[in-house]
C-alpha atoms as a PDB file:
ATOM      1  CA  MET A   1       0.115  -0.207  -0.218  1.00  0.00           C
ATOM      2  CA  THR A   2       1.503   3.275  -1.218  1.00  0.00           C
ATOM      3  CA  LYS A   3      -0.099   6.396   1.745  1.00  0.00           C
ATOM      4  CA  VAL A   4      -0.155   9.465   0.468  1.00  0.00           C
ATOM      5  CA  LEU A   5      -0.537  12.023   3.123  1.00  0.00           C
ATOM      6  CA  ILE A   6      -1.762  16.374   2.252  1.00  0.00           C
ATOM      7  CA  PHE A   7      -3.084  18.762   4.577  1.00  0.00           C
ATOM      8  CA  GLY A   8      -4.733  21.989   4.808  1.00  0.00           C
ATOM      9  CA  SER A   9      -7.545  24.386   5.868  1.00  0.00           C
ATOM     10  CA  PHE A  10     -10.465  23.061   3.528  1.00  0.00           C
ATOM     11  CA  ASP A  11     -12.641  25.969   4.567  1.00  0.00           C
ATOM     12  CA  LEU A  12     -14.632  26.593   1.072  1.00  0.00           C
ATOM     13  CA  ILE A  13     -14.517  22.895  -0.864  1.00  0.00           C
ATOM     14  CA  HIS A  14     -13.951  24.175  -4.594  1.00  0.00           C
ATOM     15  CA  LYS A  15     -13.114  22.636  -7.897  1.00  0.00           C
ATOM     16  CA  GLY A  16      -9.487  23.338  -7.117  1.00  0.00           C
ATOM     17  CA  HIS A  17      -9.222  21.612  -3.347  1.00  0.00           C
ATOM     18  CA  LEU A  18     -11.380  18.532  -5.376  1.00  0.00           C
ATOM     19  CA  TYR A  19      -8.097  18.668  -8.208  1.00  0.00           C
ATOM     20  CA  PHE A  20      -6.123  18.722  -5.200  1.00  0.00           C
ATOM     21  CA  PHE A  21      -7.563  15.378  -3.870  1.00  0.00           C
ATOM     22  CA  LYS A  22      -7.655  13.407  -6.381  1.00  0.00           C
ATOM     23  CA  SER A  23      -4.238  14.011  -7.790  1.00  0.00           C
ATOM     24  CA  ALA A  24      -2.805  13.142  -4.763  1.00  0.00           C
ATOM     25  CA  LYS A  25      -5.485  10.107  -4.551  1.00  0.00           C
ATOM     26  CA  LYS A  26      -3.978   9.088  -7.881  1.00  0.00           C
ATOM     27  CA  LEU A  27      -0.497   8.735  -6.382  1.00  0.00           C
ATOM     28  CA  GLY A  28      -1.575   5.603  -4.066  1.00  0.00           C
ATOM     29  CA  THR A  29      -4.004   3.428  -2.473  1.00  0.00           C
ATOM     30  CA  HIS A  30      -4.931   5.369   0.461  1.00  0.00           C
ATOM     31  CA  LEU A  31      -5.246   9.295   0.853  1.00  0.00           C
ATOM     32  CA  THR A  32      -5.228  10.943   4.687  1.00  0.00           C
ATOM     33  CA  ILE A  33      -6.593  13.956   4.745  1.00  0.00           C
ATOM     34  CA  VAL A  34      -5.085  16.415   7.836  1.00  0.00           C
ATOM     35  CA  VAL A  35      -7.535  19.060   8.366  1.00  0.00           C
ATOM     36  CA  ALA A  36      -6.010  22.082  10.304  1.00  0.00           C
ATOM     37  CA  ARG A  37      -7.004  23.099  13.391  1.00  0.00           C
ATOM     38  CA  ASP A  38      -8.973  26.155  14.251  1.00  0.00           C
ATOM     39  CA  LYS A  39      -6.645  27.995  16.705  1.00  0.00           C
ATOM     40  CA  THR A  40      -3.251  26.473  13.462  1.00  0.00           C
ATOM     41  CA  ILE A  41      -5.462  28.914  10.843  1.00  0.00           C
ATOM     42  CA  LEU A  42      -6.047  31.331  12.712  1.00  0.00           C
ATOM     43  CA  LYS A  43      -2.230  31.506  14.140  1.00  0.00           C
ATOM     44  CA  ILE A  44      -0.809  31.025  10.426  1.00  0.00           C
ATOM     45  CA  LYS A  45      -3.594  33.312   8.485  1.00  0.00           C
ATOM     46  CA  LYS A  46      -4.676  36.286  10.905  1.00  0.00           C
ATOM     47  CA  ASN A  47      -8.422  34.983  10.599  1.00  0.00           C
ATOM     48  CA  PRO A  48     -10.869  32.585  12.138  1.00  0.00           C
ATOM     49  CA  PRO A  49     -11.319  30.026   8.559  1.00  0.00           C
ATOM     50  CA  LEU A  50     -15.575  30.547   8.110  1.00  0.00           C
ATOM     51  CA  TYR A  51     -16.090  26.706   9.653  1.00  0.00           C
ATOM     52  CA  SER A  52     -14.675  25.076  12.726  1.00  0.00           C
ATOM     53  CA  GLU A  53     -12.672  22.301  12.290  1.00  0.00           C
ATOM     54  CA  GLN A  54     -15.441  19.840  13.200  1.00  0.00           C
ATOM     55  CA  GLN A  55     -17.741  21.288  10.221  1.00  0.00           C
ATOM     56  CA  ARG A  56     -14.484  21.031   7.562  1.00  0.00           C
ATOM     57  CA  LEU A  57     -13.203  17.644   7.893  1.00  0.00           C
ATOM     58  CA  GLN A  58     -17.642  16.477   7.389  1.00  0.00           C
ATOM     59  CA  HIS A  59     -16.925  18.766   5.090  1.00  0.00           C
ATOM     60  CA  VAL A  60     -13.251  17.300   3.399  1.00  0.00           C
ATOM     61  CA  GLN A  61     -15.085  13.356   4.490  1.00  0.00           C
ATOM     62  CA  ASN A  62     -18.298  14.320   2.391  1.00  0.00           C
ATOM     63  CA  THR A  63     -16.019  14.585  -1.352  1.00  0.00           C
ATOM     64  CA  LYS A  64     -15.610  10.353  -0.428  1.00  0.00           C
ATOM     65  CA  ILE A  65     -12.580  10.987  -2.079  1.00  0.00           C
ATOM     66  CA  PRO A  66     -10.099  10.382   1.117  1.00  0.00           C
ATOM     67  CA  ASN A  67      -9.618   7.130   2.282  1.00  0.00           C
ATOM     68  CA  GLN A  68      -9.251   8.972   6.130  1.00  0.00           C
ATOM     69  CA  VAL A  69     -10.025  12.584   6.762  1.00  0.00           C
ATOM     70  CA  ILE A  70      -8.294  13.692  10.535  1.00  0.00           C
ATOM     71  CA  LEU A  71      -7.414  16.365  11.946  1.00  0.00           C
ATOM     72  CA  GLY A  72      -4.438  17.741  12.480  1.00  0.00           C
ATOM     73  CA  TYR A  73      -2.240  17.609  16.082  1.00  0.00           C
ATOM     74  CA  LYS A  74      -3.342  20.947  19.018  1.00  0.00           C
ATOM     75  CA  THR A  75       0.809  21.469  19.289  1.00  0.00           C
ATOM     76  CA  ASN A  76       3.117  20.290  17.040  1.00  0.00           C
ATOM     77  CA  PRO A  77       2.422  20.118  13.529  1.00  0.00           C
ATOM     78  CA  TYR A  78       4.837  18.365  11.933  1.00  0.00           C
ATOM     79  CA  LYS A  79       4.589  14.885  14.818  1.00  0.00           C
ATOM     80  CA  ILE A  80       0.927  13.906  12.808  1.00  0.00           C
ATOM     81  CA  ILE A  81       2.987  12.807  10.363  1.00  0.00           C
ATOM     82  CA  GLN A  82       5.097  10.146  12.120  1.00  0.00           C
ATOM     83  CA  LYS A  83       1.285   8.527  12.963  1.00  0.00           C
ATOM     84  CA  ILE A  84       0.517   8.221   9.076  1.00  0.00           C
ATOM     85  CA  ASN A  85       3.791   7.746   8.293  1.00  0.00           C
ATOM     86  CA  PRO A  86       3.063   8.730   4.463  1.00  0.00           C
ATOM     87  CA  ASP A  87       5.322   7.211   1.259  1.00  0.00           C
ATOM     88  CA  ILE A  88       4.431  10.358  -0.058  1.00  0.00           C
ATOM     89  CA  ILE A  89       3.445  13.931   1.129  1.00  0.00           C
ATOM     90  CA  ALA A  90       1.444  16.010  -1.859  1.00  0.00           C
ATOM     91  CA  LEU A  91       1.784  19.947  -1.291  1.00  0.00           C
ATOM     92  CA  GLY A  92      -0.748  22.151  -3.169  1.00  0.00           C
ATOM     93  CA  TYR A  93       0.397  24.401  -5.472  1.00  0.00           C
ATOM     94  CA  ASP A  94       0.376  27.260  -3.345  1.00  0.00           C
ATOM     95  CA  GLN A  95       1.149  25.763  -0.635  1.00  0.00           C
ATOM     96  CA  ASN A  96       4.258  27.319   1.757  1.00  0.00           C
ATOM     97  CA  SER A  97       2.514  27.109   5.670  1.00  0.00           C
ATOM     98  CA  PHE A  98       4.584  24.484   7.106  1.00  0.00           C
ATOM     99  CA  THR A  99       6.454  23.793   3.933  1.00  0.00           C
ATOM    100  CA  LYS A 100       9.859  25.886   3.907  1.00  0.00           C
ATOM    101  CA  LYS A 101      10.895  23.508   7.455  1.00  0.00           C
ATOM    102  CA  LEU A 102       9.579  20.247   6.523  1.00  0.00           C
ATOM    103  CA  ASN A 103      12.212  18.424   5.528  1.00  0.00           C
ATOM    104  CA  GLN A 104      14.356  19.535   8.469  1.00  0.00           C
ATOM    105  CA  GLU A 105      11.649  18.500  11.014  1.00  0.00           C
ATOM    106  CA  LEU A 106      11.154  15.074   8.510  1.00  0.00           C
ATOM    107  CA  LYS A 107      14.901  14.098   9.116  1.00  0.00           C
ATOM    108  CA  LYS A 108      14.776  14.624  12.727  1.00  0.00           C
ATOM    109  CA  LEU A 109      11.054  12.774  12.888  1.00  0.00           C
ATOM    110  CA  ASN A 110      13.491  10.065  11.309  1.00  0.00           C
ATOM    111  CA  LEU A 111      10.846  10.197   7.668  1.00  0.00           C
ATOM    112  CA  ASN A 112      11.726  10.173   4.096  1.00  0.00           C
ATOM    113  CA  PRO A 113       8.298  10.051   2.312  1.00  0.00           C
ATOM    114  CA  LYS A 114       8.477  11.550  -1.014  1.00  0.00           C
ATOM    115  CA  ILE A 115       7.138  15.195  -1.344  1.00  0.00           C
ATOM    116  CA  ILE A 116       5.365  16.480  -4.501  1.00  0.00           C
ATOM    117  CA  ARG A 117       4.436  19.616  -5.208  1.00  0.00           C
ATOM    118  CA  LEU A 118       1.184  18.927  -6.938  1.00  0.00           C
ATOM    119  CA  LYS A 119      -0.394  21.200 -10.029  1.00  0.00           C
ATOM    120  CA  SER A 120      -3.404  23.583 -10.062  1.00  0.00           C
ATOM    121  CA  TYR A 121      -6.475  23.742 -10.882  1.00  0.00           C
ATOM    122  CA  LYS A 122      -7.150  27.472 -13.123  1.00  0.00           C
ATOM    123  CA  PRO A 123      -6.441  28.995  -9.694  1.00  0.00           C
ATOM    124  CA  GLU A 124      -7.939  32.805 -11.121  1.00  0.00           C
ATOM    125  CA  ILE A 125     -10.782  30.870 -10.254  1.00  0.00           C
ATOM    126  CA  TYR A 126     -10.816  28.122  -7.770  1.00  0.00           C
ATOM    127  CA  LYS A 127      -8.554  29.873  -5.089  1.00  0.00           C
ATOM    128  CA  SER A 128      -9.690  30.376  -1.596  1.00  0.00           C
ATOM    129  CA  SER A 129      -8.935  33.779  -0.481  1.00  0.00           C
ATOM    130  CA  LYS A 130     -10.702  34.673  -4.129  1.00  0.00           C
ATOM    131  CA  LEU A 131     -14.028  32.857  -3.264  1.00  0.00           C
ATOM    132  CA  LYS A 132     -14.209  34.921   0.294  1.00  0.00           C
ATOM    133  CA  THR A 133     -13.623  37.885  -1.288  1.00  0.00           C
ATOM    134  CA  ILE A 134     -17.031  36.906  -3.656  1.00  0.00           C
ATOM    135  CA  ASP A 135     -20.107  38.326  -1.893  1.00  0.00           C
END
């Protein structure tokens, strides 16, 4: 079994996210999606998410694409990677949170998954930050 891991906030599920989920799933046989905690999103994005972590978890599960959907850890965001021990970590085309030190943190955890940055799907339309401002 080839385990693939992706992570993100996934506040508004849109076609770009669905493309990301499906692209990641094609890389292996088991896709785990880690949904960021509310406090983590607030810390990184300086704004609270529109939906609670439990709602976002449910929204991702409702896509029926991943094999597993879990919440990230409240303290060390890298520790969940150790628990899952993926063969592949797929990153979104614009994903920057926790990626700059990702290789260093993986070495500390004695993990060596392949890291793949996936392509975008119509980022001029399907980007959460743009969709949140349309109303």
